[in-house]
Amino acid sequence: VTLVARDPAALEDAVSLVRAQTGRDAVAVAADLTRDDDRQRIFAACPQPDILVNNGGGMPPGDFRDWDRAHWIAGVDMMMVAPIDMIRLAVDGMTERGFGRIVNIVSRSVKNPQAEMALSNAARSGLVAFSSGLARQLVARNVTINNILPGIIDSAAQHAHVHDLSRMTGRSYDSIWAERAAANPAKRFGDVEEIAAAVAFFCSHKAGFITAQSLLVDGGDYRGLF
């Protein structure tokens, strides 16, 4: 397992956890996925991945009127271009070996756009559209690409998002957090372990006939049929 993030301390904690719980080795690469040289370093550390999970960060909420071209370029680079390039670097080796699993962890905003998350709506939808087109070219070689669309998950990113909403609206953090849980049909936030379980299935041999799909893990919050 090769773990990649920008925070070396968090990486070392994750590596220690993997080693303790699985007895397997893990490698940490502190890197910024938006940098070409860092992406090359990642594949130098893990040149032949069988599984790639793209789980990059997102941009803060806001009003699109306040964003200039630099904001949009940064958002597209982080949430679309960087993961696409990770796929580019991984996919040919996967097809040559006859096995590959690629999972993009994106957002429910791909199917249910959030007004304050316009950067995420646009960039992550671009990643999903690209992946859908590519997936159909690869599945005959036992390489699949699927997407996980998390809803409200009790994660560090969710806490940061609610803090951002609190600053934007002037409402208290606690009131927003409670309101979001109450509005979900499950009446709670999801657990990161529930996301991990969905990712693990998509990465397994048993998911070889599933590709170009986007799975909502959102407690039933999405109201559409498809």
Protein backbone atom coordinates (compact mmCIF):
# COMPACT_ATOMS: atom_id res chain seq x y z
CA VAL A 1 0.00 0.00 0.00
CA THR A 2 1.32 3.43 -0.95
CA LEU A 3 -0.36 6.33 0.84
CA VAL A 4 -0.14 9.87 -0.49
CA ALA A 5 -1.02 13.15 1.21
CA ARG A 6 0.47 16.57 1.81
CA ASP A 7 0.81 16.21 5.60
CA PRO A 8 3.79 13.98 6.54
CA ALA A 9 2.63 13.56 10.14
CA ALA A 10 -0.84 12.37 9.11
CA LEU A 11 0.76 10.02 6.60
CA GLU A 12 2.98 8.41 9.22
CA ASP A 13 -0.04 7.88 11.46
CA ALA A 14 -1.88 6.20 8.59
CA VAL A 15 1.11 4.01 7.72
CA SER A 16 1.43 2.90 11.34
CA LEU A 17 -2.27 2.03 11.41
CA VAL A 18 -2.05 -0.04 8.22
CA ARG A 19 0.96 -1.94 9.53
CA ALA A 20 -0.64 -2.57 12.91
CA GLN A 21 -4.00 -3.73 11.57
CA THR A 22 -2.86 -5.76 8.57
CA GLY A 23 0.71 -6.85 9.28
CA ARG A 24 1.57 -5.62 5.77
CA ASP A 25 4.04 -2.93 4.84
CA ALA A 26 2.95 0.53 3.74
CA VAL A 27 4.85 3.37 2.12
CA ALA A 28 4.19 7.07 2.69
CA VAL A 29 4.78 9.70 0.01
CA ALA A 30 4.26 13.31 1.05
CA ALA A 31 3.18 15.01 -2.15
CA ASP A 32 0.93 17.62 -3.71
CA LEU A 33 -1.04 15.97 -6.51
CA THR A 34 -1.34 19.24 -8.40
CA ARG A 35 2.44 19.22 -9.01
CA ASP A 36 3.76 17.27 -11.99
CA ASP A 37 7.03 16.39 -10.25
CA ASP A 38 5.19 15.10 -7.18
CA ARG A 39 3.01 12.83 -9.30
CA GLN A 40 6.16 11.43 -10.86
CA ARG A 41 7.61 10.80 -7.38
CA ILE A 42 4.48 8.89 -6.41
CA PHE A 43 4.86 6.52 -9.35
CA ALA A 44 8.57 6.16 -8.69
CA ALA A 45 7.60 4.87 -5.23
CA CYS A 46 4.81 2.64 -6.62
CA PRO A 47 5.51 2.06 -10.32
CA GLN A 48 2.97 -0.74 -10.93
CA PRO A 49 -0.20 -0.11 -8.94
CA ASP A 50 -3.05 -2.57 -9.34
CA ILE A 51 -5.47 -0.23 -7.54
CA LEU A 52 -5.67 3.56 -7.65
CA VAL A 53 -7.96 5.49 -5.32
CA ASN A 54 -8.19 9.20 -6.13
CA ASN A 55 -9.34 11.06 -3.03
CA GLY A 56 -8.11 14.61 -3.41
CA GLY A 57 -9.19 17.66 -1.50
CA GLY A 58 -11.87 20.12 -2.46
CA MET A 59 -12.37 23.85 -2.64
CA PRO A 60 -14.23 25.85 0.01
CA PRO A 61 -17.84 26.92 -0.51
CA GLY A 62 -18.63 30.37 -1.75
CA ASP A 63 -20.43 32.59 -4.25
CA PHE A 64 -19.22 32.16 -7.83
CA ARG A 65 -19.37 35.95 -8.24
CA ASP A 66 -16.41 36.21 -5.89
CA TRP A 67 -14.20 33.82 -7.86
CA ASP A 68 -11.88 34.93 -10.63
CA ARG A 69 -10.16 32.86 -13.30
CA ALA A 70 -7.40 31.81 -10.88
CA HIS A 71 -9.96 30.26 -8.52
CA TRP A 72 -11.49 28.24 -11.34
CA ILE A 73 -8.12 27.08 -12.67
CA ALA A 74 -7.05 26.00 -9.18
CA GLY A 75 -10.30 24.08 -8.64
CA VAL A 76 -10.18 22.31 -11.99
CA ASP A 77 -6.49 21.48 -11.51
CA MET A 78 -7.08 19.97 -8.07
CA MET A 79 -10.34 18.12 -8.64
CA MET A 80 -10.13 17.13 -12.31
CA VAL A 81 -6.73 17.49 -14.00
CA ALA A 82 -4.61 15.98 -11.18
CA PRO A 83 -6.69 12.80 -10.76
CA ILE A 84 -6.93 12.38 -14.53
CA ASP A 85 -3.15 12.49 -14.75
CA MET A 86 -2.89 9.91 -11.95
CA ILE A 87 -5.14 7.67 -14.04
CA ARG A 88 -2.95 8.30 -17.10
CA LEU A 89 0.16 7.23 -15.22
CA ALA A 90 -1.48 4.06 -13.88
CA VAL A 91 -3.75 2.72 -16.56
CA ASP A 92 -1.41 1.32 -19.23
CA GLY A 93 0.36 -0.93 -16.73
CA MET A 94 -3.00 -2.14 -15.46
CA THR A 95 -4.17 -3.11 -18.95
CA GLU A 96 -0.87 -4.88 -19.68
CA ARG A 97 -1.19 -6.96 -16.50
CA GLY A 98 -4.89 -7.67 -17.07
CA PHE A 99 -6.14 -6.23 -13.78
CA GLY A 100 -6.83 -2.76 -12.50
CA ARG A 101 -9.26 -0.96 -10.26
CA ILE A 102 -9.61 2.82 -10.22
CA VAL A 103 -11.96 4.55 -7.81
CA ASN A 104 -12.55 8.29 -7.71
CA ILE A 105 -13.98 9.57 -4.44
CA VAL A 106 -15.80 12.71 -5.53
CA SER A 107 -19.00 14.20 -4.10
CA ARG A 108 -22.77 13.93 -4.18
CA SER A 109 -22.65 17.32 -5.94
CA VAL A 110 -21.95 15.39 -9.16
CA LYS A 111 -25.60 14.23 -9.13
CA ASN A 112 -27.10 16.84 -6.83
CA PRO A 113 -25.26 20.15 -7.32
CA GLN A 114 -24.97 22.35 -4.24
CA ALA A 115 -25.38 26.08 -4.87
CA GLU A 116 -22.44 27.06 -2.67
CA MET A 117 -20.15 24.37 -4.15
CA ALA A 118 -20.01 25.53 -7.78
CA LEU A 119 -16.29 24.80 -8.15
CA SER A 120 -16.80 21.24 -6.96
CA ASN A 121 -19.96 20.81 -9.04
CA ALA A 122 -18.10 21.67 -12.23
CA ALA A 123 -14.67 20.12 -11.72
CA ARG A 124 -15.77 16.83 -10.18
CA SER A 125 -18.44 16.37 -12.85
CA GLY A 126 -15.68 16.75 -15.44
CA LEU A 127 -13.66 13.98 -13.76
CA VAL A 128 -16.66 11.66 -13.70
CA ALA A 129 -17.48 12.34 -17.36
CA PHE A 130 -13.88 11.67 -18.41
CA SER A 131 -13.75 8.48 -16.34
CA SER A 132 -17.01 7.20 -17.82
CA GLY A 133 -15.71 7.53 -21.36
CA LEU A 134 -12.37 5.90 -20.54
CA ALA A 135 -13.87 3.07 -18.47
CA ARG A 136 -15.64 1.53 -21.46
CA GLN A 137 -12.34 1.33 -23.33
CA LEU A 138 -10.66 -0.61 -20.51
CA VAL A 139 -13.18 -3.05 -19.08
CA ALA A 140 -12.39 -5.80 -21.62
CA ARG A 141 -8.89 -5.88 -20.07
CA ASN A 142 -10.34 -6.28 -16.55
CA VAL A 143 -9.66 -2.65 -15.66
CA THR A 144 -12.59 -0.75 -14.16
CA ILE A 145 -13.19 2.86 -13.17
CA ASN A 146 -15.97 3.79 -10.75
CA ASN A 147 -16.86 6.74 -8.57
CA ILE A 148 -17.97 7.08 -4.96
CA LEU A 149 -20.26 10.03 -4.26
CA PRO A 150 -20.26 10.68 -0.50
CA GLY A 151 -23.02 12.62 1.16
CA ILE A 152 -22.58 14.03 4.65
CA ILE A 153 -19.78 12.01 6.24
CA ASP A 154 -18.37 12.56 9.73
CA SER A 155 -14.88 13.39 8.49
CA ALA A 156 -12.28 16.12 8.88
CA ALA A 157 -13.34 17.53 5.52
CA GLN A 158 -16.99 17.70 6.62
CA HIS A 159 -16.07 19.50 9.83
CA ALA A 160 -14.02 22.02 7.84
CA HIS A 161 -16.92 22.50 5.41
CA VAL A 162 -19.37 23.21 8.23
CA HIS A 163 -16.93 25.71 9.74
CA ASP A 164 -16.80 27.44 6.34
CA LEU A 165 -20.61 27.52 6.19
CA SER A 166 -20.69 28.97 9.69
CA ARG A 167 -18.37 31.80 8.65
CA MET A 168 -20.39 32.45 5.49
CA THR A 169 -23.79 32.53 7.19
CA GLY A 170 -23.03 33.79 10.70
CA ARG A 171 -24.80 30.76 12.15
CA SER A 172 -23.25 28.59 14.83
CA TYR A 173 -21.27 25.50 13.89
CA ASP A 174 -23.39 23.29 16.17
CA SER A 175 -26.69 24.44 14.69
CA ILE A 176 -25.53 23.77 11.12
CA TRP A 177 -24.12 20.36 12.06
CA ALA A 178 -27.34 19.32 13.80
CA GLU A 179 -29.50 20.64 10.97
CA ARG A 180 -27.57 18.69 8.34
CA ALA A 181 -27.92 15.45 10.29
CA ALA A 182 -31.64 16.00 10.90
CA ALA A 183 -32.29 16.73 7.21
CA ASN A 184 -30.82 13.40 6.10
CA PRO A 185 -33.27 10.48 5.84
CA ALA A 186 -30.90 8.41 8.01
CA LYS A 187 -30.93 11.19 10.64
CA ARG A 188 -27.17 10.98 11.01
CA PHE A 189 -23.84 11.53 9.34
CA GLY A 190 -22.21 8.63 7.57
CA ASP A 191 -19.03 7.03 8.87
CA VAL A 192 -15.76 7.00 6.95
CA GLU A 193 -15.80 3.21 7.34
CA GLU A 194 -18.96 3.12 5.22
CA ILE A 195 -17.13 4.93 2.43
CA ALA A 196 -14.18 2.56 2.82
CA ALA A 197 -16.44 -0.49 2.49
CA ALA A 198 -17.83 0.78 -0.82
CA VAL A 199 -14.33 1.51 -2.11
CA ALA A 200 -13.13 -1.96 -1.07
CA PHE A 201 -15.94 -3.61 -3.02
CA PHE A 202 -15.21 -1.63 -6.19
CA CYS A 203 -11.53 -2.61 -5.84
CA SER A 204 -12.27 -6.32 -5.48
CA HIS A 205 -12.27 -9.11 -8.07
CA LYS A 206 -16.03 -9.42 -7.51
CA ALA A 207 -16.64 -5.99 -9.07
CA GLY A 208 -15.10 -6.82 -12.44
CA PHE A 209 -18.42 -6.44 -14.32
CA ILE A 210 -19.14 -3.02 -12.82
CA THR A 211 -17.58 0.02 -14.46
CA ALA A 212 -18.38 3.65 -15.29
CA GLN A 213 -20.74 3.78 -12.31
CA SER A 214 -21.24 6.43 -9.64
CA LEU A 215 -22.40 5.13 -6.26
CA LEU A 216 -24.06 7.51 -3.82
CA VAL A 217 -23.19 6.82 -0.19
CA ASP A 218 -25.48 9.43 1.28
CA GLY A 219 -28.09 7.86 3.57
CA GLY A 220 -30.76 8.19 0.89
CA ASP A 221 -30.44 11.96 0.63
CA TYR A 222 -30.55 12.02 -3.18
CA ARG A 223 -34.21 12.16 -4.20
CA GLY A 224 -33.89 11.16 -7.86
CA LEU A 225 -34.51 7.74 -9.39
CA PHE A 226 -31.30 7.60 -11.42
